[in-house]
């Protein structure tokens, strides 16, 4: 009985693993650069289970992820609370606030 339950759990896990990737066909970027076709981890709400996050390994390339996992399983955000430097205008922007929204 235990062996049957274990085998069923393995099959379910393998089925979920097989559906965890998306194929991205080759395409041209707007600057004319060609991007070769590749596989990426399937989209979901988890950040830490992506192939680019340590210690996960991309099964197609064998490369280990290089990004640090987060404690809350969300993508890290980087913000500049006091505005930031705009290279296009070569000036500092003022902070933006969304009031009443």
C-alpha atoms as a PDB file:
ATOM      1  CA  UNK A   1       0.000   0.000   0.000  1.00  0.00           C
ATOM      2  CA  UNK A   2       2.809   2.407   0.927  1.00  0.00           C
ATOM      3  CA  UNK A   3       4.692   1.606  -2.278  1.00  0.00           C
ATOM      4  CA  UNK A   4       1.588   2.327  -4.366  1.00  0.00           C
ATOM      5  CA  UNK A   5       1.039   5.699  -2.668  1.00  0.00           C
ATOM      6  CA  UNK A   6       4.712   6.582  -3.129  1.00  0.00           C
ATOM      7  CA  UNK A   7       4.621   5.630  -6.819  1.00  0.00           C
ATOM      8  CA  UNK A   8       1.454   7.698  -7.326  1.00  0.00           C
ATOM      9  CA  UNK A   9       3.114  10.704  -5.653  1.00  0.00           C
ATOM     10  CA  UNK A  10       6.139  10.364  -7.947  1.00  0.00           C
ATOM     11  CA  UNK A  11       3.935  10.269 -11.053  1.00  0.00           C
ATOM     12  CA  UNK A  12       2.032  13.361  -9.946  1.00  0.00           C
ATOM     13  CA  UNK A  13       5.304  15.208  -9.277  1.00  0.00           C
ATOM     14  CA  UNK A  14       6.697  14.242 -12.680  1.00  0.00           C
ATOM     15  CA  UNK A  15       3.501  15.379 -14.385  1.00  0.00           C
ATOM     16  CA  UNK A  16       3.699  18.745 -12.652  1.00  0.00           C
ATOM     17  CA  UNK A  17       7.376  19.021 -13.613  1.00  0.00           C
ATOM     18  CA  UNK A  18       6.597  18.336 -17.268  1.00  0.00           C
ATOM     19  CA  UNK A  19       4.085  21.195 -17.334  1.00  0.00           C
ATOM     20  CA  UNK A  20       6.458  23.596 -15.575  1.00  0.00           C
ATOM     21  CA  UNK A  21       8.111  24.923 -18.723  1.00  0.00           C
ATOM     22  CA  UNK A  22       7.138  27.137 -21.632  1.00  0.00           C
ATOM     23  CA  UNK A  23       8.681  27.070 -25.101  1.00  0.00           C
ATOM     24  CA  UNK A  24       9.599  30.488 -26.470  1.00  0.00           C
ATOM     25  CA  UNK A  25      10.056  30.482 -30.250  1.00  0.00           C
ATOM     26  CA  UNK A  26      12.874  32.399 -31.917  1.00  0.00           C
ATOM     27  CA  UNK A  27      12.088  36.025 -32.653  1.00  0.00           C
ATOM     28  CA  UNK A  28      13.610  39.369 -33.551  1.00  0.00           C
ATOM     29  CA  UNK A  29      13.806  42.189 -31.026  1.00  0.00           C
ATOM     30  CA  UNK A  30      12.886  45.736 -32.002  1.00  0.00           C
ATOM     31  CA  UNK A  31      16.608  46.567 -32.387  1.00  0.00           C
ATOM     32  CA  UNK A  32      17.041  43.758 -34.950  1.00  0.00           C
ATOM     33  CA  UNK A  33      18.776  41.248 -32.664  1.00  0.00           C
ATOM     34  CA  UNK A  34      17.662  37.641 -33.187  1.00  0.00           C
ATOM     35  CA  UNK A  35      16.815  35.656 -30.051  1.00  0.00           C
ATOM     36  CA  UNK A  36      17.195  31.892 -30.438  1.00  0.00           C
ATOM     37  CA  UNK A  37      14.353  29.634 -29.240  1.00  0.00           C
ATOM     38  CA  UNK A  38      14.536  28.550 -25.609  1.00  0.00           C
ATOM     39  CA  UNK A  39      12.568  27.080 -22.698  1.00  0.00           C
ATOM     40  CA  UNK A  40      11.686  29.054 -19.598  1.00  0.00           C
ATOM     41  CA  UNK A  41      10.093  28.009 -16.342  1.00  0.00           C
ATOM     42  CA  UNK A  42       6.316  28.208 -16.363  1.00  0.00           C
ATOM     43  CA  UNK A  43       4.634  31.350 -15.085  1.00  0.00           C
ATOM     44  CA  UNK A  44       3.088  31.237 -11.653  1.00  0.00           C
ATOM     45  CA  UNK A  45       2.945  33.372  -8.531  1.00  0.00           C
ATOM     46  CA  UNK A  46       6.129  31.941  -6.991  1.00  0.00           C
ATOM     47  CA  UNK A  47       9.479  33.672  -7.427  1.00  0.00           C
ATOM     48  CA  UNK A  48      11.677  31.110  -5.691  1.00  0.00           C
ATOM     49  CA  UNK A  49      10.777  28.173  -7.948  1.00  0.00           C
ATOM     50  CA  UNK A  50      12.072  29.797 -11.154  1.00  0.00           C
ATOM     51  CA  UNK A  51      15.140  28.287 -12.793  1.00  0.00           C
ATOM     52  CA  UNK A  52      17.113  31.510 -12.391  1.00  0.00           C
ATOM     53  CA  UNK A  53      16.882  31.401  -8.574  1.00  0.00           C
ATOM     54  CA  UNK A  54      19.413  29.400  -6.514  1.00  0.00           C
ATOM     55  CA  UNK A  55      19.567  26.404  -5.937  1.00  0.00           C
ATOM     56  CA  UNK A  56      17.229  25.533  -8.839  1.00  0.00           C
ATOM     57  CA  UNK A  57      18.754  24.036 -11.996  1.00  0.00           C
ATOM     58  CA  UNK A  58      17.508  24.540 -15.542  1.00  0.00           C
ATOM     59  CA  UNK A  59      16.860  20.982 -16.790  1.00  0.00           C
ATOM     60  CA  UNK A  60      17.511  21.974 -20.413  1.00  0.00           C
ATOM     61  CA  UNK A  61      20.900  23.648 -19.902  1.00  0.00           C
ATOM     62  CA  UNK A  62      22.067  22.142 -16.605  1.00  0.00           C
ATOM     63  CA  UNK A  63      22.933  25.629 -15.290  1.00  0.00           C
ATOM     64  CA  UNK A  64      22.182  26.529 -11.696  1.00  0.00           C
ATOM     65  CA  UNK A  65      20.300  29.760 -10.993  1.00  0.00           C
ATOM     66  CA  UNK A  66      22.325  32.776  -9.925  1.00  0.00           C
ATOM     67  CA  UNK A  67      19.668  34.948  -8.249  1.00  0.00           C
ATOM     68  CA  UNK A  68      19.161  34.885  -4.488  1.00  0.00           C
ATOM     69  CA  UNK A  69      15.896  33.457  -3.168  1.00  0.00           C
ATOM     70  CA  UNK A  70      13.640  35.800  -1.217  1.00  0.00           C
ATOM     71  CA  UNK A  71      12.136  35.126   2.206  1.00  0.00           C
ATOM     72  CA  UNK A  72       8.573  36.010   1.110  1.00  0.00           C
ATOM     73  CA  UNK A  73       8.655  34.191  -2.269  1.00  0.00           C
ATOM     74  CA  UNK A  74       8.091  37.458  -4.181  1.00  0.00           C
ATOM     75  CA  UNK A  75      10.349  39.119  -6.697  1.00  0.00           C
ATOM     76  CA  UNK A  76      12.638  41.721  -5.137  1.00  0.00           C
ATOM     77  CA  UNK A  77      11.733  45.333  -5.776  1.00  0.00           C
ATOM     78  CA  UNK A  78      14.155  48.163  -6.053  1.00  0.00           C
ATOM     79  CA  UNK A  79      12.764  51.634  -5.623  1.00  0.00           C
ATOM     80  CA  UNK A  80      14.152  55.111  -5.304  1.00  0.00           C
ATOM     81  CA  UNK A  81      11.957  56.963  -2.841  1.00  0.00           C
ATOM     82  CA  UNK A  82      13.432  60.365  -3.691  1.00  0.00           C
ATOM     83  CA  UNK A  83      13.303  60.136  -7.468  1.00  0.00           C
ATOM     84  CA  UNK A  84      16.179  59.078  -9.630  1.00  0.00           C
ATOM     85  CA  UNK A  85      18.615  60.160 -12.294  1.00  0.00           C
ATOM     86  CA  UNK A  86      17.158  60.237 -15.796  1.00  0.00           C
ATOM     87  CA  UNK A  87      19.897  59.596 -18.329  1.00  0.00           C
ATOM     88  CA  UNK A  88      17.710  60.756 -21.216  1.00  0.00           C
ATOM     89  CA  UNK A  89      17.354  64.282 -19.788  1.00  0.00           C
ATOM     90  CA  UNK A  90      20.546  64.235 -17.718  1.00  0.00           C
ATOM     91  CA  UNK A  91      18.681  65.507 -14.707  1.00  0.00           C
ATOM     92  CA  UNK A  92      17.301  64.231 -11.447  1.00  0.00           C
ATOM     93  CA  UNK A  93      13.591  63.563 -11.309  1.00  0.00           C
ATOM     94  CA  UNK A  94      11.422  64.588  -8.414  1.00  0.00           C
ATOM     95  CA  UNK A  95       9.657  61.971  -6.346  1.00  0.00           C
ATOM     96  CA  UNK A  96       6.261  60.904  -7.552  1.00  0.00           C
ATOM     97  CA  UNK A  97       3.440  60.246  -5.160  1.00  0.00           C
ATOM     98  CA  UNK A  98       0.075  58.682  -5.844  1.00  0.00           C
ATOM     99  CA  UNK A  99      -2.351  60.338  -3.478  1.00  0.00           C
ATOM    100  CA  UNK A 100      -5.876  59.117  -3.024  1.00  0.00           C
ATOM    101  CA  UNK A 101      -5.541  56.132  -5.346  1.00  0.00           C
END
